[in-house]
Protein backbone atom coordinates (compact mmCIF):
# COMPACT_ATOMS: atom_id res chain seq x y z
CA ALA A 1 127.57 -48.29 -82.07
CA ALA A 2 126.39 -47.47 -78.54
CA ALA A 3 128.19 -50.49 -77.12
CA TRP A 4 131.38 -49.44 -78.89
CA LEU A 5 131.14 -45.94 -77.40
CA VAL A 6 130.48 -47.27 -73.92
CA GLY A 7 133.35 -49.76 -74.24
CA ARG A 8 135.69 -47.05 -75.46
CA ALA A 9 134.81 -44.80 -72.52
CA ALA A 10 135.27 -47.68 -70.07
CA ARG A 11 138.69 -48.52 -71.54
CA ARG A 12 139.74 -44.89 -71.26
CA SER A 13 138.65 -44.80 -67.59
CA LEU A 14 140.40 -48.07 -66.80
CA ARG A 15 143.57 -46.89 -68.55
CA ALA A 16 143.57 -43.70 -66.47
CA LEU A 17 143.00 -45.73 -63.31
CA ARG A 18 145.87 -48.06 -64.23
CA ASP A 19 148.17 -45.09 -64.84
CA SER A 20 147.19 -43.60 -61.48
CA ALA A 21 147.95 -46.89 -59.74
CA ARG A 22 151.40 -46.94 -61.36
CA ARG A 23 152.04 -43.38 -60.19
CA VAL A 24 151.06 -44.35 -56.63
CA GLY A 25 153.49 -47.25 -56.86
CA ASP A 26 156.19 -44.79 -57.91
CA GLY A 27 155.50 -42.65 -54.83
CA HIS A 28 153.37 -39.89 -56.34
CA ILE A 29 150.16 -38.43 -54.98
CA VAL A 30 147.28 -38.75 -57.43
CA GLU A 31 144.05 -36.85 -57.67
CA ALA A 32 140.65 -38.51 -57.87
CA ARG A 33 139.22 -38.55 -61.38
CA THR A 34 135.63 -38.68 -62.42
CA ALA A 35 134.78 -41.61 -64.63
CA GLU A 36 131.81 -42.69 -66.67
CA SER A 37 130.71 -45.12 -63.97
CA ARG A 38 130.12 -44.50 -60.30
CA GLU A 39 132.17 -47.55 -59.33
CA LEU A 40 135.26 -46.38 -61.21
CA SER A 41 134.88 -42.87 -59.77
CA GLU A 42 134.72 -44.34 -56.25
CA LEU A 43 137.74 -46.51 -56.95
CA SER A 44 139.66 -43.49 -58.22
CA GLY A 45 138.75 -41.60 -55.05
CA GLN A 46 139.93 -44.47 -52.87
CA LEU A 47 143.18 -44.66 -54.81
CA ALA A 48 143.73 -40.92 -54.34
CA ASP A 49 143.07 -41.29 -50.61
CA ALA A 50 145.48 -44.21 -50.38
CA SER A 51 148.16 -42.24 -52.22
CA GLN A 52 147.84 -39.40 -49.70
CA ARG A 53 148.06 -41.82 -46.75
CA LEU A 54 151.11 -43.51 -48.28
CA ALA A 55 152.80 -40.15 -48.80
CA ALA A 56 152.15 -39.24 -45.16
CA ALA A 57 153.55 -42.60 -44.04
CA ARG A 58 156.65 -42.07 -46.18
CA ARG A 59 157.20 -38.62 -44.65
CA GLN A 60 156.81 -40.06 -41.16
CA LEU A 61 159.25 -42.85 -41.96
CA THR A 62 161.79 -40.31 -43.23
CA GLU A 63 161.40 -38.26 -40.05
CA LEU A 64 161.79 -41.35 -37.86
CA ASP A 65 164.88 -42.43 -39.77
CA ALA A 66 166.42 -38.98 -39.34
CA ALA A 67 165.67 -39.10 -35.61
CA ARG A 68 167.26 -42.54 -35.40
CA ARG A 69 170.39 -41.28 -37.14
CA ARG A 70 170.64 -38.29 -34.78
CA PHE A 71 170.16 -40.57 -31.79
CA PHE A 72 172.99 -42.89 -32.84
CA ALA A 73 175.20 -39.91 -33.68
CA TRP A 74 174.65 -38.54 -30.15
CA ILE A 75 175.35 -41.94 -28.61
CA SER A 76 178.56 -42.41 -30.59
CA HIS A 77 179.68 -38.90 -29.67
CA ASP A 78 179.22 -39.52 -25.96
């Protein structure tokens, strides 16, 4: 019975981690979740950190693309 409970909790944590990874892939920022094991909690924290870095990189890329468009618009105008 104890093994079943531990396995159930681990599956729930892994499912939540999988869902968070999918959300990161879709461009969302995820929050770190606490899990039953220290390793899964650390992995969730690293995933949350990576999602924030990816979001910052996406914002920077958008800003650079806008600057590039303005630059070429100015060049074509002149």
